[in-house]
Amino acid sequence: MYKNKTIGVVVPAYNEEKLIARVIDTMPDFVDRIIVVNDASSDRTLEILEKEKKHHPNLEVISHPKNQGVGGAIATGYKRARELKIDVTVVMAGDGQMDPADLPAIIEPVVNGEVEYSKGNRLFRGESWKMIPHYRYLGNSLLSFLTKIASGYWHIADSQCGYTAISLNALNLLNLDKIYKKYGVPNDLLIKLNIENCRVRDVSIRPVYNIGEKSGIRLWKVIPTISKLLLKGFFQRLFIKYVIKDFHPLVLFYILSFITLPLSFYFLGRTIHGYFTTGVVPPTSHLLFWFIFISGLQTLFFAMWFDMEYNKNLK
């Protein structure tokens, strides 16, 4: 226990025979239950876990008959933690990239009741640019920016960090069967938590790389997939939070910007077409482009500002 709160750690594991034992062996003593979800591994992961159970009575292993993805494994672990009524549930990867020394800092805000969800942020530290592969750092930064807009948590960054802690109350609010099954699960959870008005906080953690882990992430596949997830989640959040639960005019500002900005480019096209066909810039199309374009940007920025203000207390 930690400050009279039960602590559980969910470890999604898929083909982690190299580092899964290290993850379990370095788990802090205050962890009450370790729930490893073996996501249909084809290597020796399950064999190693069975051996680890002999030395760790608080270790529980759940095996999926078919691979469900990291999100599916986390959902299974969350369901078990909810059944056990664990006060705070942490997610740690099975590849050793999450430093157990950071665990107290991750759970502290949730244990103290300051927030319902805390997550690691590897970008706070100056050494992150040197330690994290640059292409992943830049890809992470892009997805973090898009996640701010989609989730409404404008104060968070490093959206792809899966080192998280969640309260039992927040778990009870989530439909765990609807959690995204793949690598976009941290982004999806932030959107769902914002809909439920849960408080979220970033916690500075140490980046861990080059310890023998093997990443299955391919940015050229992940970025378009997660961007599509964020777009869908963005509209879902606006509809549920600002139309169904509590109407807010920011929805109208967003809708207006989504109409005016594309429309402005229609007049830009007419301007360019007129110039290249007649050699003269059509004044009406030119003026309409700038007027509608500037109006669209203003309404978009107003909508974002309203969203920031509405969610400023969720941290």
Foldseek 3Di string as FASTA:
>chain_A
DPPPFAEEEEEEDAQQVPFQLVVVVQADPRHQAYEYEYQCHPDCPVVVLVVVCVVDVRYDYHYDVHGQAPLVSVLVVLVVCLVVQGFKYWYDYSNPFADNVCVCQQCVCSVVVVFFKEFEDAPVDPCSCVPPPPVVVVLQQVLQVLLCLLLLVVPDGSQQGRGMMGGSVLSVQDPSVPQDRYSLRSSSSSNSCVLVLTAYYYTYGHGDDDPPGDDPDDSVPPSVVNSVVSVVSSVVSCCSRQPVPHPDCLVVLLVLLVPLQVVLVVLVVVQVVCCVVPVDGDVVSVVSSVVSNVSSVVSNVVSSVVSNVVNVSRD
